[in-house]
Amino acid sequence: MSSVNYSLKHKGVRLVSSDEAWIKGKNGKPRLNPKYNFVGKVDTRLPNLIVSASDKKKPKFKGNTYDLNRVAKGQMIDHFYDDNGKRNKKTVAYFGIPKEKKS
């Protein structure tokens, strides 16, 4: 069983666009948004692979896209294609779990 497939069964995993996943730090360098625990990343250059999402480490293989459930595949289609079935300019998407706010 793929580790991403297992992780996507956790409550609250959703597809996050790269615009929302990356933020600029105080020094102006981009970093991953601390509001999410990132499970994996999908890149259109490697369409069948899901790799780990990190701004510090080399990515590692996490699973295959055909191991994903129907909901996750639907989120990917909605993200990478417009309403007319044409590819848009988006090339990367992230699977993330929103962190709970501490009260």
C-alpha atoms as a PDB file:
ATOM      1  CA  MET A   1       0.000   0.000   0.000  1.00  0.00           C
ATOM      2  CA  SER A   2       1.268   3.431  -0.904  1.00  0.00           C
ATOM      3  CA  SER A   3       2.046   5.741   1.980  1.00  0.00           C
ATOM      4  CA  VAL A   4       0.275   8.618   0.216  1.00  0.00           C
ATOM      5  CA  ASN A   5      -2.861   6.532  -0.272  1.00  0.00           C
ATOM      6  CA  TYR A   6      -2.827   5.757   3.441  1.00  0.00           C
ATOM      7  CA  SER A   7      -2.204   9.387   4.336  1.00  0.00           C
ATOM      8  CA  LEU A   8      -4.970  10.659   2.069  1.00  0.00           C
ATOM      9  CA  LYS A   9      -7.467   8.619   4.081  1.00  0.00           C
ATOM     10  CA  HIS A  10      -6.782  10.860   7.067  1.00  0.00           C
ATOM     11  CA  LYS A  11      -9.465  13.402   7.767  1.00  0.00           C
ATOM     12  CA  GLY A  12      -9.033  16.786   6.115  1.00  0.00           C
ATOM     13  CA  VAL A  13      -6.490  16.035   3.363  1.00  0.00           C
ATOM     14  CA  ARG A  14      -7.100  18.240   0.371  1.00  0.00           C
ATOM     15  CA  LEU A  15      -5.332  19.488  -2.720  1.00  0.00           C
ATOM     16  CA  VAL A  16      -3.570  22.820  -2.178  1.00  0.00           C
ATOM     17  CA  SER A  17      -2.383  25.018  -5.048  1.00  0.00           C
ATOM     18  CA  SER A  18       1.229  26.132  -5.090  1.00  0.00           C
ATOM     19  CA  ASP A  19       0.121  29.755  -4.626  1.00  0.00           C
ATOM     20  CA  GLU A  20      -1.352  28.828  -1.265  1.00  0.00           C
ATOM     21  CA  ALA A  21       1.372  26.315  -0.340  1.00  0.00           C
ATOM     22  CA  TRP A  22       4.331  28.719  -0.641  1.00  0.00           C
ATOM     23  CA  ILE A  23       4.629  31.977   1.291  1.00  0.00           C
ATOM     24  CA  LYS A  24       7.428  34.495   1.604  1.00  0.00           C
ATOM     25  CA  GLY A  25       9.301  34.571   4.892  1.00  0.00           C
ATOM     26  CA  LYS A  26      10.633  37.627   6.694  1.00  0.00           C
ATOM     27  CA  ASN A  27      13.828  37.530   4.648  1.00  0.00           C
ATOM     28  CA  GLY A  28      11.866  37.355   1.372  1.00  0.00           C
ATOM     29  CA  LYS A  29      12.709  33.738   0.590  1.00  0.00           C
ATOM     30  CA  PRO A  30       9.825  31.399  -0.196  1.00  0.00           C
ATOM     31  CA  ARG A  31       8.977  28.635   2.275  1.00  0.00           C
ATOM     32  CA  LEU A  32       6.180  26.148   2.725  1.00  0.00           C
ATOM     33  CA  ASN A  33       3.125  27.470   4.518  1.00  0.00           C
ATOM     34  CA  PRO A  34       3.221  26.451   8.202  1.00  0.00           C
ATOM     35  CA  LYS A  35      -0.601  26.290   8.275  1.00  0.00           C
ATOM     36  CA  TYR A  36      -0.454  22.867   6.564  1.00  0.00           C
ATOM     37  CA  ASN A  37       1.109  19.463   7.145  1.00  0.00           C
ATOM     38  CA  PHE A  38       2.099  18.491   3.615  1.00  0.00           C
ATOM     39  CA  VAL A  39       1.635  14.855   2.658  1.00  0.00           C
ATOM     40  CA  GLY A  40       2.892  14.983  -0.916  1.00  0.00           C
ATOM     41  CA  LYS A  41       3.355  16.899  -4.139  1.00  0.00           C
ATOM     42  CA  VAL A  42       2.160  16.204  -7.696  1.00  0.00           C
ATOM     43  CA  ASP A  43       4.076  17.711 -10.616  1.00  0.00           C
ATOM     44  CA  THR A  44       2.906  17.547 -14.232  1.00  0.00           C
ATOM     45  CA  ARG A  45       6.480  16.818 -15.358  1.00  0.00           C
ATOM     46  CA  LEU A  46       6.215  13.526 -13.405  1.00  0.00           C
ATOM     47  CA  PRO A  47       2.482  12.850 -13.784  1.00  0.00           C
ATOM     48  CA  ASN A  48       2.335   9.388 -12.207  1.00  0.00           C
ATOM     49  CA  LEU A  49       4.465  10.085  -9.145  1.00  0.00           C
ATOM     50  CA  ILE A  50       3.725  11.676  -5.815  1.00  0.00           C
ATOM     51  CA  VAL A  51       6.830  12.901  -4.019  1.00  0.00           C
ATOM     52  CA  SER A  52       7.346  14.378  -0.576  1.00  0.00           C
ATOM     53  CA  ALA A  53       6.909  18.124  -0.212  1.00  0.00           C
ATOM     54  CA  SER A  54       9.721  19.903   1.591  1.00  0.00           C
ATOM     55  CA  ASP A  55      11.596  23.156   1.165  1.00  0.00           C
ATOM     56  CA  LYS A  56      14.788  21.829   2.757  1.00  0.00           C
ATOM     57  CA  LYS A  57      15.225  18.167   1.758  1.00  0.00           C
ATOM     58  CA  LYS A  58      15.535  16.303  -1.498  1.00  0.00           C
ATOM     59  CA  PRO A  59      12.106  14.918  -2.470  1.00  0.00           C
ATOM     60  CA  LYS A  60      11.411  11.225  -1.860  1.00  0.00           C
ATOM     61  CA  PHE A  61       9.005   8.890  -3.606  1.00  0.00           C
ATOM     62  CA  LYS A  62       5.696   8.694  -1.723  1.00  0.00           C
ATOM     63  CA  GLY A  63       3.407   6.797  -4.114  1.00  0.00           C
ATOM     64  CA  ASN A  64       1.662   6.599  -7.462  1.00  0.00           C
ATOM     65  CA  THR A  65      -1.316   8.635  -8.565  1.00  0.00           C
ATOM     66  CA  TYR A  66      -3.228   5.515  -9.606  1.00  0.00           C
ATOM     67  CA  ASP A  67      -3.198   4.421  -5.947  1.00  0.00           C
ATOM     68  CA  LEU A  68      -5.278   7.467  -5.003  1.00  0.00           C
ATOM     69  CA  ASN A  69      -8.978   7.302  -4.311  1.00  0.00           C
ATOM     70  CA  ARG A  70     -11.627   8.783  -6.582  1.00  0.00           C
ATOM     71  CA  VAL A  71     -11.999  12.009  -4.580  1.00  0.00           C
ATOM     72  CA  ALA A  72      -8.271  12.804  -4.760  1.00  0.00           C
ATOM     73  CA  LYS A  73      -8.184  12.142  -8.508  1.00  0.00           C
ATOM     74  CA  GLY A  74     -11.189  14.424  -8.954  1.00  0.00           C
ATOM     75  CA  GLN A  75      -9.423  17.189  -7.038  1.00  0.00           C
ATOM     76  CA  MET A  76      -6.400  16.813  -9.322  1.00  0.00           C
ATOM     77  CA  ILE A  77      -8.549  17.061 -12.467  1.00  0.00           C
ATOM     78  CA  ASP A  78     -10.307  20.159 -11.129  1.00  0.00           C
ATOM     79  CA  HIS A  79      -6.941  21.740 -10.305  1.00  0.00           C
ATOM     80  CA  PHE A  80      -5.087  21.052 -13.569  1.00  0.00           C
ATOM     81  CA  TYR A  81      -7.950  21.444 -16.086  1.00  0.00           C
ATOM     82  CA  ASP A  82     -10.458  24.214 -16.753  1.00  0.00           C
ATOM     83  CA  ASP A  83     -14.213  23.779 -17.314  1.00  0.00           C
ATOM     84  CA  ASN A  84     -13.736  23.172 -21.053  1.00  0.00           C
ATOM     85  CA  GLY A  85     -11.352  20.254 -20.512  1.00  0.00           C
ATOM     86  CA  LYS A  86      -8.251  22.225 -21.509  1.00  0.00           C
ATOM     87  CA  ARG A  87      -5.031  22.225 -19.501  1.00  0.00           C
ATOM     88  CA  ASN A  88      -4.390  25.401 -17.566  1.00  0.00           C
ATOM     89  CA  LYS A  89      -0.991  26.840 -16.658  1.00  0.00           C
ATOM     90  CA  LYS A  90      -0.825  25.184 -13.227  1.00  0.00           C
ATOM     91  CA  THR A  91       1.963  22.604 -13.017  1.00  0.00           C
ATOM     92  CA  VAL A  92       2.271  21.699  -9.315  1.00  0.00           C
ATOM     93  CA  ALA A  93      -0.204  20.781  -6.600  1.00  0.00           C
ATOM     94  CA  TYR A  94       0.275  19.711  -2.992  1.00  0.00           C
ATOM     95  CA  PHE A  95      -1.688  17.372  -0.741  1.00  0.00           C
ATOM     96  CA  GLY A  96      -1.952  19.000   2.666  1.00  0.00           C
ATOM     97  CA  ILE A  97      -3.768  18.738   5.955  1.00  0.00           C
ATOM     98  CA  PRO A  98      -4.712  22.074   7.546  1.00  0.00           C
ATOM     99  CA  LYS A  99      -3.261  22.321  11.050  1.00  0.00           C
ATOM    100  CA  GLU A 100      -5.715  22.930  13.838  1.00  0.00           C
ATOM    101  CA  LYS A 101      -5.621  26.362  15.396  1.00  0.00           C
ATOM    102  CA  LYS A 102      -4.440  26.426  18.972  1.00  0.00           C
ATOM    103  CA  SER A 103      -6.786  28.208  21.314  1.00  0.00           C
END
